[in-house]
């Protein structure tokens, strides 16, 4: 697995990097993020 980004609805986390992996957007932006980043799988870590 290669994590290419995080999705999180906490405004304070948007744009931050966690171990080099960026928080790229919120759940509302999920469809656009999927199309723009060549995602193979989605992992729900909640």
ModelCIF file with pLDDT and N, C-alpha, C, O atoms, coordinates in Angstrom:
data_MODEL
#
_entry.id   MODEL 
#
_entity.id                         1 
_entity.type                       polymer 
_entity.pdbx_number_of_molecules   1 
#
_entity_poly.entity_id                      1 
_entity_poly.type                           'polypeptide(L)' 
_entity_poly.nstd_linkage                   no 
_entity_poly.nstd_monomer                   no 
_entity_poly.pdbx_seq_one_letter_code       
;(UNK)(UNK)(UNK)(UNK)(UNK)(UNK)(UNK)(UNK)(UNK)(UNK)(UNK)(UNK)(UNK)(UNK)(UNK)(UNK)
(UNK)(UNK)(UNK)(UNK)(UNK)(UNK)(UNK)(UNK)(UNK)(UNK)(UNK)(UNK)(UNK)(UNK)(UNK)(UNK)
(UNK)(UNK)(UNK)(UNK)(UNK)(UNK)(UNK)(UNK)(UNK)(UNK)(UNK)(UNK)(UNK)(UNK)
;
_entity_poly.pdbx_seq_one_letter_code_can   XXXXXXXXXXXXXXXXXXXXXXXXXXXXXXXXXXXXXXXXXXXXXX 
_entity_poly.pdbx_strand_id                 A 
#
loop_
_entity_poly_seq.entity_id 
_entity_poly_seq.num 
_entity_poly_seq.mon_id 
_entity_poly_seq.hetero 
1 1  UNK n 
1 2  UNK n 
1 3  UNK n 
1 4  UNK n 
1 5  UNK n 
1 6  UNK n 
1 7  UNK n 
1 8  UNK n 
1 9  UNK n 
1 10 UNK n 
1 11 UNK n 
1 12 UNK n 
1 13 UNK n 
1 14 UNK n 
1 15 UNK n 
1 16 UNK n 
1 17 UNK n 
1 18 UNK n 
1 19 UNK n 
1 20 UNK n 
1 21 UNK n 
1 22 UNK n 
1 23 UNK n 
1 24 UNK n 
1 25 UNK n 
1 26 UNK n 
1 27 UNK n 
1 28 UNK n 
1 29 UNK n 
1 30 UNK n 
1 31 UNK n 
1 32 UNK n 
1 33 UNK n 
1 34 UNK n 
1 35 UNK n 
1 36 UNK n 
1 37 UNK n 
1 38 UNK n 
1 39 UNK n 
1 40 UNK n 
1 41 UNK n 
1 42 UNK n 
1 43 UNK n 
1 44 UNK n 
1 45 UNK n 
1 46 UNK n 
#
_struct_asym.id          A 
_struct_asym.entity_id   1 
#
loop_
_ma_qa_metric.id 
_ma_qa_metric.mode 
_ma_qa_metric.name 
_ma_qa_metric.software_group_id 
_ma_qa_metric.type 
1 global pLDDT . pLDDT 
2 local  pLDDT . pLDDT 
#
_ma_qa_metric_global.metric_id      1 
_ma_qa_metric_global.metric_value   84.41 
_ma_qa_metric_global.model_id       1 
_ma_qa_metric_global.ordinal_id     1 
#
loop_
_ma_qa_metric_local.label_asym_id 
_ma_qa_metric_local.label_comp_id 
_ma_qa_metric_local.label_seq_id 
_ma_qa_metric_local.metric_id 
_ma_qa_metric_local.metric_value 
_ma_qa_metric_local.model_id 
_ma_qa_metric_local.ordinal_id 
A UNK 1  2 81.00 1 1  
A UNK 2  2 82.00 1 2  
A UNK 3  2 84.00 1 3  
A UNK 4  2 84.00 1 4  
A UNK 5  2 87.00 1 5  
A UNK 6  2 90.00 1 6  
A UNK 7  2 88.00 1 7  
A UNK 8  2 89.00 1 8  
A UNK 9  2 88.00 1 9  
A UNK 10 2 87.00 1 10 
A UNK 11 2 87.00 1 11 
A UNK 12 2 87.00 1 12 
A UNK 13 2 87.00 1 13 
A UNK 14 2 87.00 1 14 
A UNK 15 2 86.00 1 15 
A UNK 16 2 88.00 1 16 
A UNK 17 2 85.00 1 17 
A UNK 18 2 83.00 1 18 
A UNK 19 2 77.00 1 19 
A UNK 20 2 77.00 1 20 
A UNK 21 2 85.00 1 21 
A UNK 22 2 87.00 1 22 
A UNK 23 2 89.00 1 23 
A UNK 24 2 88.00 1 24 
A UNK 25 2 86.00 1 25 
A UNK 26 2 88.00 1 26 
A UNK 27 2 85.00 1 27 
A UNK 28 2 85.00 1 28 
A UNK 29 2 86.00 1 29 
A UNK 30 2 85.00 1 30 
A UNK 31 2 83.00 1 31 
A UNK 32 2 84.00 1 32 
A UNK 33 2 85.00 1 33 
A UNK 34 2 83.00 1 34 
A UNK 35 2 79.00 1 35 
A UNK 36 2 78.00 1 36 
A UNK 37 2 76.00 1 37 
A UNK 38 2 76.00 1 38 
A UNK 39 2 82.00 1 39 
A UNK 40 2 83.00 1 40 
A UNK 41 2 84.00 1 41 
A UNK 42 2 86.00 1 42 
A UNK 43 2 86.00 1 43 
A UNK 44 2 85.00 1 44 
A UNK 45 2 84.00 1 45 
A UNK 46 2 81.00 1 46 
#
loop_
_atom_site.group_PDB 
_atom_site.id 
_atom_site.type_symbol 
_atom_site.label_atom_id 
_atom_site.label_alt_id 
_atom_site.label_comp_id 
_atom_site.label_asym_id 
_atom_site.label_entity_id 
_atom_site.label_seq_id 
_atom_site.pdbx_PDB_ins_code 
_atom_site.Cartn_x 
_atom_site.Cartn_y 
_atom_site.Cartn_z 
_atom_site.occupancy 
_atom_site.B_iso_or_equiv 
_atom_site.pdbx_formal_charge 
_atom_site.auth_seq_id 
_atom_site.auth_comp_id 
_atom_site.auth_asym_id 
_atom_site.auth_atom_id 
_atom_site.pdbx_PDB_model_num 
ATOM 1   N N  . UNK A 1 1  ? 0.840   -1.201 0.000   1.00 81.00 ? 1  UNK A N  1 
ATOM 2   C CA . UNK A 1 1  ? 0.000   0.000  0.000   1.00 81.00 ? 1  UNK A CA 1 
ATOM 3   C C  . UNK A 1 1  ? 0.874   1.249  0.000   1.00 81.00 ? 1  UNK A C  1 
ATOM 4   O O  . UNK A 1 1  ? 1.921   1.284  0.647   1.00 81.00 ? 1  UNK A O  1 
ATOM 5   N N  . UNK A 1 2  ? 0.440   2.269  -0.726  1.00 82.00 ? 2  UNK A N  1 
ATOM 6   C CA . UNK A 1 2  ? 1.117   3.567  -0.733  1.00 82.00 ? 2  UNK A CA 1 
ATOM 7   C C  . UNK A 1 2  ? 0.086   4.643  -0.394  1.00 82.00 ? 2  UNK A C  1 
ATOM 8   O O  . UNK A 1 2  ? -0.745  4.980  -1.237  1.00 82.00 ? 2  UNK A O  1 
ATOM 9   N N  . UNK A 1 3  ? 0.125   5.192  0.836   1.00 84.00 ? 3  UNK A N  1 
ATOM 10  C CA . UNK A 1 3  ? -0.838  6.249  1.183   1.00 84.00 ? 3  UNK A CA 1 
ATOM 11  C C  . UNK A 1 3  ? -0.512  7.533  0.419   1.00 84.00 ? 3  UNK A C  1 
ATOM 12  O O  . UNK A 1 3  ? 0.606   8.042  0.503   1.00 84.00 ? 3  UNK A O  1 
ATOM 13  N N  . UNK A 1 4  ? -1.484  8.052  -0.319  1.00 84.00 ? 4  UNK A N  1 
ATOM 14  C CA . UNK A 1 4  ? -1.238  9.248  -1.136  1.00 84.00 ? 4  UNK A CA 1 
ATOM 15  C C  . UNK A 1 4  ? -1.915  10.486 -0.553  1.00 84.00 ? 4  UNK A C  1 
ATOM 16  O O  . UNK A 1 4  ? -1.702  11.595 -1.042  1.00 84.00 ? 4  UNK A O  1 
ATOM 17  N N  . UNK A 1 5  ? -2.730  10.306 0.489   1.00 87.00 ? 5  UNK A N  1 
ATOM 18  C CA . UNK A 1 5  ? -3.381  11.452 1.093   1.00 87.00 ? 5  UNK A CA 1 
ATOM 19  C C  . UNK A 1 5  ? -4.385  11.051 2.154   1.00 87.00 ? 5  UNK A C  1 
ATOM 20  O O  . UNK A 1 5  ? -4.827  9.905  2.226   1.00 87.00 ? 5  UNK A O  1 
ATOM 21  N N  . UNK A 1 6  ? -4.733  12.041 2.984   1.00 90.00 ? 6  UNK A N  1 
ATOM 22  C CA . UNK A 1 6  ? -5.759  11.855 4.007   1.00 90.00 ? 6  UNK A CA 1 
ATOM 23  C C  . UNK A 1 6  ? -6.978  12.707 3.670   1.00 90.00 ? 6  UNK A C  1 
ATOM 24  O O  . UNK A 1 6  ? -6.862  13.750 3.027   1.00 90.00 ? 6  UNK A O  1 
ATOM 25  N N  . UNK A 1 7  ? -8.141  12.251 4.111   1.00 88.00 ? 7  UNK A N  1 
ATOM 26  C CA . UNK A 1 7  ? -9.378  13.034 4.084   1.00 88.00 ? 7  UNK A CA 1 
ATOM 27  C C  . UNK A 1 7  ? -9.797  13.244 5.528   1.00 88.00 ? 7  UNK A C  1 
ATOM 28  O O  . UNK A 1 7  ? -9.856  12.286 6.299   1.00 88.00 ? 7  UNK A O  1 
ATOM 29  N N  . UNK A 1 8  ? -10.091 14.486 5.910   1.00 89.00 ? 8  UNK A N  1 
ATOM 30  C CA . UNK A 1 8  ? -10.537 14.739 7.281   1.00 89.00 ? 8  UNK A CA 1 
ATOM 31  C C  . UNK A 1 8  ? -11.372 16.019 7.313   1.00 89.00 ? 8  UNK A C  1 
ATOM 32  O O  . UNK A 1 8  ? -11.075 16.985 6.611   1.00 89.00 ? 8  UNK A O  1 
ATOM 33  N N  . UNK A 1 9  ? -12.419 16.009 8.139   1.00 88.00 ? 9  UNK A N  1 
ATOM 34  C CA . UNK A 1 9  ? -13.321 17.165 8.214   1.00 88.00 ? 9  UNK A CA 1 
ATOM 35  C C  . UNK A 1 9  ? -12.896 18.191 9.263   1.00 88.00 ? 9  UNK A C  1 
ATOM 36  O O  . UNK A 1 9  ? -13.582 19.196 9.456   1.00 88.00 ? 9  UNK A O  1 
ATOM 37  N N  . UNK A 1 10 ? -11.778 17.950 9.939   1.00 87.00 ? 10 UNK A N  1 
ATOM 38  C CA . UNK A 1 10 ? -11.269 18.909 10.915  1.00 87.00 ? 10 UNK A CA 1 
ATOM 39  C C  . UNK A 1 10 ? -10.531 20.030 10.176  1.00 87.00 ? 10 UNK A C  1 
ATOM 40  O O  . UNK A 1 10 ? -9.490  19.773 9.572   1.00 87.00 ? 10 UNK A O  1 
ATOM 41  N N  . UNK A 1 11 ? -11.040 21.264 10.207  1.00 87.00 ? 11 UNK A N  1 
ATOM 42  C CA . UNK A 1 11 ? -10.405 22.369 9.466   1.00 87.00 ? 11 UNK A CA 1 
ATOM 43  C C  . UNK A 1 11 ? -8.947  22.592 9.864   1.00 87.00 ? 11 UNK A C  1 
ATOM 44  O O  . UNK A 1 11 ? -8.136  23.016 9.041   1.00 87.00 ? 11 UNK A O  1 
ATOM 45  N N  . UNK A 1 12 ? -8.608  22.304 11.137  1.00 87.00 ? 12 UNK A N  1 
ATOM 46  C CA . UNK A 1 12 ? -7.241  22.537 11.612  1.00 87.00 ? 12 UNK A CA 1 
ATOM 47  C C  . UNK A 1 12 ? -6.237  21.594 10.956  1.00 87.00 ? 12 UNK A C  1 
ATOM 48  O O  . UNK A 1 12 ? -5.040  21.880 10.932  1.00 87.00 ? 12 UNK A O  1 
ATOM 49  N N  . UNK A 1 13 ? -6.717  20.480 10.426  1.00 87.00 ? 13 UNK A N  1 
ATOM 50  C CA . UNK A 1 13 ? -5.801  19.488 9.828   1.00 87.00 ? 13 UNK A CA 1 
ATOM 51  C C  . UNK A 1 13 ? -5.605  19.673 8.331   1.00 87.00 ? 13 UNK A C  1 
ATOM 52  O O  . UNK A 1 13 ? -4.660  19.123 7.765   1.00 87.00 ? 13 UNK A O  1 
ATOM 53  N N  . UNK A 1 14 ? -6.472  20.432 7.680   1.00 87.00 ? 14 UNK A N  1 
ATOM 54  C CA . UNK A 1 14 ? -6.403  20.585 6.232   1.00 87.00 ? 14 UNK A CA 1 
ATOM 55  C C  . UNK A 1 14 ? -5.069  21.192 5.811   1.00 87.00 ? 14 UNK A C  1 
ATOM 56  O O  . UNK A 1 14 ? -4.639  22.208 6.356   1.00 87.00 ? 14 UNK A O  1 
ATOM 57  N N  . UNK A 1 15 ? -4.424  20.564 4.840   1.00 86.00 ? 15 UNK A N  1 
ATOM 58  C CA . UNK A 1 15 ? -3.138  21.053 4.341   1.00 86.00 ? 15 UNK A CA 1 
ATOM 59  C C  . UNK A 1 15 ? -1.940  20.585 5.138   1.00 86.00 ? 15 UNK A C  1 
ATOM 60  O O  . UNK A 1 15 ? -0.799  20.786 4.720   1.00 86.00 ? 15 UNK A O  1 
ATOM 61  N N  . UNK A 1 16 ? -2.185  19.957 6.291   1.00 88.00 ? 16 UNK A N  1 
ATOM 62  C CA . UNK A 1 16 ? -1.074  19.480 7.111   1.00 88.00 ? 16 UNK A CA 1 
ATOM 63  C C  . UNK A 1 16 ? -0.507  18.184 6.553   1.00 88.00 ? 16 UNK A C  1 
ATOM 64  O O  . UNK A 1 16 ? -1.166  17.483 5.784   1.00 88.00 ? 16 UNK A O  1 
ATOM 65  N N  . UNK A 1 17 ? 0.740   17.871 6.955   1.00 85.00 ? 17 UNK A N  1 
ATOM 66  C CA . UNK A 1 17 ? 1.397   16.632 6.546   1.00 85.00 ? 17 UNK A CA 1 
ATOM 67  C C  . UNK A 1 17 ? 1.572   15.729 7.768   1.00 85.00 ? 17 UNK A C  1 
ATOM 68  O O  . UNK A 1 17 ? 2.009   16.184 8.826   1.00 85.00 ? 17 UNK A O  1 
ATOM 69  N N  . UNK A 1 18 ? 1.231   14.461 7.617   1.00 83.00 ? 18 UNK A N  1 
ATOM 70  C CA . UNK A 1 18 ? 1.414   13.459 8.670   1.00 83.00 ? 18 UNK A CA 1 
ATOM 71  C C  . UNK A 1 18 ? 2.365   12.403 8.128   1.00 83.00 ? 18 UNK A C  1 
ATOM 72  O O  . UNK A 1 18 ? 2.001   11.617 7.254   1.00 83.00 ? 18 UNK A O  1 
ATOM 73  N N  . UNK A 1 19 ? 3.589   12.389 8.653   1.00 77.00 ? 19 UNK A N  1 
ATOM 74  C CA . UNK A 1 19 ? 4.636   11.495 8.135   1.00 77.00 ? 19 UNK A CA 1 
ATOM 75  C C  . UNK A 1 19 ? 4.809   11.656 6.628   1.00 77.00 ? 19 UNK A C  1 
ATOM 76  O O  . UNK A 1 19 ? 5.017   10.679 5.909   1.00 77.00 ? 19 UNK A O  1 
ATOM 77  N N  . UNK A 1 20 ? 4.722   12.900 6.159   1.00 77.00 ? 20 UNK A N  1 
ATOM 78  C CA . UNK A 1 20 ? 4.944   13.173 4.746   1.00 77.00 ? 20 UNK A CA 1 
ATOM 79  C C  . UNK A 1 20 ? 3.726   12.988 3.866   1.00 77.00 ? 20 UNK A C  1 
ATOM 80  O O  . UNK A 1 20 ? 3.806   13.200 2.657   1.00 77.00 ? 20 UNK A O  1 
ATOM 81  N N  . UNK A 1 21 ? 2.588   12.592 4.449   1.00 85.00 ? 21 UNK A N  1 
ATOM 82  C CA . UNK A 1 21 ? 1.350   12.382 3.680   1.00 85.00 ? 21 UNK A CA 1 
ATOM 83  C C  . UNK A 1 21 ? 0.393   13.531 3.987   1.00 85.00 ? 21 UNK A C  1 
ATOM 84  O O  . UNK A 1 21 ? 0.107   13.803 5.153   1.00 85.00 ? 21 UNK A O  1 
ATOM 85  N N  . UNK A 1 22 ? -0.103  14.206 2.955   1.00 87.00 ? 22 UNK A N  1 
ATOM 86  C CA . UNK A 1 22 ? -0.889  15.432 3.127   1.00 87.00 ? 22 UNK A CA 1 
ATOM 87  C C  . UNK A 1 22 ? -2.365  15.150 3.371   1.00 87.00 ? 22 UNK A C  1 
ATOM 88  O O  . UNK A 1 22 ? -2.935  14.211 2.815   1.00 87.00 ? 22 UNK A O  1 
ATOM 89  N N  . UNK A 1 23 ? -2.972  15.982 4.215   1.00 89.00 ? 23 UNK A N  1 
ATOM 90  C CA . UNK A 1 23 ? -4.434  15.986 4.381   1.00 89.00 ? 23 UNK A CA 1 
ATOM 91  C C  . UNK A 1 23 ? -4.978  16.828 3.233   1.00 89.00 ? 23 UNK A C  1 
ATOM 92  O O  . UNK A 1 23 ? -4.890  18.055 3.257   1.00 89.00 ? 23 UNK A O  1 
ATOM 93  N N  . UNK A 1 24 ? -5.546  16.153 2.219   1.00 88.00 ? 24 UNK A N  1 
ATOM 94  C CA . UNK A 1 24 ? -5.843  16.817 0.944   1.00 88.00 ? 24 UNK A CA 1 
ATOM 95  C C  . UNK A 1 24 ? -7.236  17.434 0.859   1.00 88.00 ? 24 UNK A C  1 
ATOM 96  O O  . UNK A 1 24 ? -7.501  18.214 -0.057  1.00 88.00 ? 24 UNK A O  1 
ATOM 97  N N  . UNK A 1 25 ? -8.128  17.107 1.786   1.00 86.00 ? 25 UNK A N  1 
ATOM 98  C CA . UNK A 1 25 ? -9.459  17.696 1.703   1.00 86.00 ? 25 UNK A CA 1 
ATOM 99  C C  . UNK A 1 25 ? -10.425 17.090 2.697   1.00 86.00 ? 25 UNK A C  1 
ATOM 100 O O  . UNK A 1 25 ? -10.028 16.358 3.604   1.00 86.00 ? 25 UNK A O  1 
ATOM 101 N N  . UNK A 1 26 ? -11.711 17.405 2.516   1.00 88.00 ? 26 UNK A N  1 
ATOM 102 C CA . UNK A 1 26 ? -12.769 16.923 3.402   1.00 88.00 ? 26 UNK A CA 1 
ATOM 103 C C  . UNK A 1 26 ? -13.569 15.840 2.704   1.00 88.00 ? 26 UNK A C  1 
ATOM 104 O O  . UNK A 1 26 ? -13.374 15.581 1.517   1.00 88.00 ? 26 UNK A O  1 
ATOM 105 N N  . UNK A 1 27 ? -14.473 15.206 3.445   1.00 85.00 ? 27 UNK A N  1 
ATOM 106 C CA . UNK A 1 27 ? -15.297 14.143 2.852   1.00 85.00 ? 27 UNK A CA 1 
ATOM 107 C C  . UNK A 1 27 ? -16.203 14.696 1.750   1.00 85.00 ? 27 UNK A C  1 
ATOM 108 O O  . UNK A 1 27 ? -16.541 13.973 0.813   1.00 85.00 ? 27 UNK A O  1 
ATOM 109 N N  . UNK A 1 28 ? -16.599 15.964 1.850   1.00 85.00 ? 28 UNK A N  1 
ATOM 110 C CA . UNK A 1 28 ? -17.435 16.564 0.809   1.00 85.00 ? 28 UNK A CA 1 
ATOM 111 C C  . UNK A 1 28 ? -16.702 16.647 -0.527  1.00 85.00 ? 28 UNK A C  1 
ATOM 112 O O  . UNK A 1 28 ? -17.328 16.657 -1.587  1.00 85.00 ? 28 UNK A O  1 
ATOM 113 N N  . UNK A 1 29 ? -15.358 16.708 -0.469  1.00 86.00 ? 29 UNK A N  1 
ATOM 114 C CA . UNK A 1 29 ? -14.547 16.799 -1.693  1.00 86.00 ? 29 UNK A CA 1 
ATOM 115 C C  . UNK A 1 29 ? -14.095 15.436 -2.198  1.00 86.00 ? 29 UNK A C  1 
ATOM 116 O O  . UNK A 1 29 ? -13.313 15.350 -3.144  1.00 86.00 ? 29 UNK A O  1 
ATOM 117 N N  . UNK A 1 30 ? -14.582 14.376 -1.573  1.00 85.00 ? 30 UNK A N  1 
ATOM 118 C CA . UNK A 1 30 ? -14.118 13.024 -1.884  1.00 85.00 ? 30 UNK A CA 1 
ATOM 119 C C  . UNK A 1 30 ? -14.218 12.656 -3.361  1.00 85.00 ? 30 UNK A C  1 
ATOM 120 O O  . UNK A 1 30 ? -13.238 12.151 -3.907  1.00 85.00 ? 30 UNK A O  1 
ATOM 121 N N  . UNK A 1 31 ? -15.347 12.878 -4.042  1.00 83.00 ? 31 UNK A N  1 
ATOM 122 C CA . UNK A 1 31 ? -15.427 12.504 -5.463  1.00 83.00 ? 31 UNK A CA 1 
ATOM 123 C C  . UNK A 1 31 ? -14.358 13.182 -6.319  1.00 83.00 ? 31 UNK A C  1 
ATOM 124 O O  . UNK A 1 31 ? -13.743 12.539 -7.170  1.00 83.00 ? 31 UNK A O  1 
ATOM 125 N N  . UNK A 1 32 ? -14.134 14.494 -6.093  1.00 84.00 ? 32 UNK A N  1 
ATOM 126 C CA . UNK A 1 32 ? -13.131 15.217 -6.888  1.00 84.00 ? 32 UNK A CA 1 
ATOM 127 C C  . UNK A 1 32 ? -11.718 14.712 -6.591  1.00 84.00 ? 32 UNK A C  1 
ATOM 128 O O  . UNK A 1 32 ? -10.894 14.591 -7.498  1.00 84.00 ? 32 UNK A O  1 
ATOM 129 N N  . UNK A 1 33 ? -11.444 14.420 -5.323  1.00 85.00 ? 33 UNK A N  1 
ATOM 130 C CA . UNK A 1 33 ? -10.115 13.939 -4.932  1.00 85.00 ? 33 UNK A CA 1 
ATOM 131 C C  . UNK A 1 33 ? -9.839  12.568 -5.539  1.00 85.00 ? 33 UNK A C  1 
ATOM 132 O O  . UNK A 1 33 ? -8.718  12.289 -5.963  1.00 85.00 ? 33 UNK A O  1 
ATOM 133 N N  . UNK A 1 34 ? -10.857 11.716 -5.582  1.00 83.00 ? 34 UNK A N  1 
ATOM 134 C CA . UNK A 1 34 ? -10.688 10.387 -6.176  1.00 83.00 ? 34 UNK A CA 1 
ATOM 135 C C  . UNK A 1 34 ? -10.308 10.485 -7.649  1.00 83.00 ? 34 UNK A C  1 
ATOM 136 O O  . UNK A 1 34 ? -9.432  9.761  -8.121  1.00 83.00 ? 34 UNK A O  1 
ATOM 137 N N  . UNK A 1 35 ? -10.967 11.379 -8.368  1.00 79.00 ? 35 UNK A N  1 
ATOM 138 C CA . UNK A 1 35 ? -10.713 11.508 -9.803  1.00 79.00 ? 35 UNK A CA 1 
ATOM 139 C C  . UNK A 1 35 ? -9.363  12.154 -10.096 1.00 79.00 ? 35 UNK A C  1 
ATOM 140 O O  . UNK A 1 35 ? -8.736  11.842 -11.109 1.00 79.00 ? 35 UNK A O  1 
ATOM 141 N N  . UNK A 1 36 ? -8.908  13.052 -9.217  1.00 78.00 ? 36 UNK A N  1 
ATOM 142 C CA . UNK A 1 36 ? -7.698  13.838 -9.507  1.00 78.00 ? 36 UNK A CA 1 
ATOM 143 C C  . UNK A 1 36 ? -6.404  13.163 -9.077  1.00 78.00 ? 36 UNK A C  1 
ATOM 144 O O  . UNK A 1 36 ? -5.332  13.585 -9.510  1.00 78.00 ? 36 UNK A O  1 
ATOM 145 N N  . UNK A 1 37 ? -6.466  12.118 -8.231  1.00 76.00 ? 37 UNK A N  1 
ATOM 146 C CA . UNK A 1 37 ? -5.238  11.576 -7.646  1.00 76.00 ? 37 UNK A CA 1 
ATOM 147 C C  . UNK A 1 37 ? -4.949  10.121 -8.004  1.00 76.00 ? 37 UNK A C  1 
ATOM 148 O O  . UNK A 1 37 ? -4.023  9.531  -7.449  1.00 76.00 ? 37 UNK A O  1 
ATOM 149 N N  . UNK A 1 38 ? -5.708  9.536  -8.907  1.00 76.00 ? 38 UNK A N  1 
ATOM 150 C CA . UNK A 1 38 ? -5.433  8.160  -9.324  1.00 76.00 ? 38 UNK A CA 1 
ATOM 151 C C  . UNK A 1 38 ? -5.496  7.167  -8.180  1.00 76.00 ? 38 UNK A C  1 
ATOM 152 O O  . UNK A 1 38 ? -4.609  6.325  -8.033  1.00 76.00 ? 38 UNK A O  1 
ATOM 153 N N  . UNK A 1 39 ? -6.534  7.261  -7.374  1.00 82.00 ? 39 UNK A N  1 
ATOM 154 C CA . UNK A 1 39 ? -6.672  6.407  -6.194  1.00 82.00 ? 39 UNK A CA 1 
ATOM 155 C C  . UNK A 1 39 ? -7.133  5.008  -6.608  1.00 82.00 ? 39 UNK A C  1 
ATOM 156 O O  . UNK A 1 39 ? -8.054  4.862  -7.412  1.00 82.00 ? 39 UNK A O  1 
ATOM 157 N N  . UNK A 1 40 ? -6.485  3.981  -6.049  1.00 83.00 ? 40 UNK A N  1 
ATOM 158 C CA . UNK A 1 40 ? -6.899  2.590  -6.308  1.00 83.00 ? 40 UNK A CA 1 
ATOM 159 C C  . UNK A 1 40 ? -7.906  2.107  -5.269  1.00 83.00 ? 40 UNK A C  1 
ATOM 160 O O  . UNK A 1 40 ? -8.887  1.443  -5.605  1.00 83.00 ? 40 UNK A O  1 
ATOM 161 N N  . UNK A 1 41 ? -7.653  2.446  -3.999  1.00 84.00 ? 41 UNK A N  1 
ATOM 162 C CA . UNK A 1 41 ? -8.520  1.985  -2.917  1.00 84.00 ? 41 UNK A CA 1 
ATOM 163 C C  . UNK A 1 41 ? -8.721  3.104  -1.895  1.00 84.00 ? 41 UNK A C  1 
ATOM 164 O O  . UNK A 1 41 ? -7.901  4.012  -1.767  1.00 84.00 ? 41 UNK A O  1 
ATOM 165 N N  . UNK A 1 42 ? -9.838  3.009  -1.174  1.00 86.00 ? 42 UNK A N  1 
ATOM 166 C CA . UNK A 1 42 ? -10.146 3.957  -0.107  1.00 86.00 ? 42 UNK A CA 1 
ATOM 167 C C  . UNK A 1 42 ? -10.201 3.185  1.203   1.00 86.00 ? 42 UNK A C  1 
ATOM 168 O O  . UNK A 1 42 ? -10.874 2.159  1.298   1.00 86.00 ? 42 UNK A O  1 
ATOM 169 N N  . UNK A 1 43 ? -9.493  3.679  2.208   1.00 86.00 ? 43 UNK A N  1 
ATOM 170 C CA . UNK A 1 43 ? -9.507  3.050  3.520   1.00 86.00 ? 43 UNK A CA 1 
ATOM 171 C C  . UNK A 1 43 ? -10.202 3.976  4.512   1.00 86.00 ? 43 UNK A C  1 
ATOM 172 O O  . UNK A 1 43 ? -9.774  5.112  4.714   1.00 86.00 ? 43 UNK A O  1 
ATOM 173 N N  . UNK A 1 44 ? -11.272 3.489  5.127   1.00 85.00 ? 44 UNK A N  1 
ATOM 174 C CA . UNK A 1 44 ? -11.998 4.260  6.147   1.00 85.00 ? 44 UNK A CA 1 
ATOM 175 C C  . UNK A 1 44 ? -11.353 3.957  7.494   1.00 85.00 ? 44 UNK A C  1 
ATOM 176 O O  . UNK A 1 44 ? -11.542 2.876  8.052   1.00 85.00 ? 44 UNK A O  1 
ATOM 177 N N  . UNK A 1 45 ? -10.586 4.922  8.014   1.00 84.00 ? 45 UNK A N  1 
ATOM 178 C CA . UNK A 1 45 ? -9.867  4.749  9.279   1.00 84.00 ? 45 UNK A CA 1 
ATOM 179 C C  . UNK A 1 45 ? -10.542 5.552  10.380  1.00 84.00 ? 45 UNK A C  1 
ATOM 180 O O  . UNK A 1 45 ? -9.948  6.453  10.973  1.00 84.00 ? 45 UNK A O  1 
ATOM 181 N N  . UNK A 1 46 ? -11.800 5.203  10.638  1.00 81.00 ? 46 UNK A N  1 
ATOM 182 C CA . UNK A 1 46 ? -12.610 5.912  11.647  1.00 81.00 ? 46 UNK A CA 1 
ATOM 183 C C  . UNK A 1 46 ? -13.199 4.889  12.611  1.00 81.00 ? 46 UNK A C  1 
ATOM 184 O O  . UNK A 1 46 ? -13.915 5.259  13.542  1.00 81.00 ? 46 UNK A O  1 
#
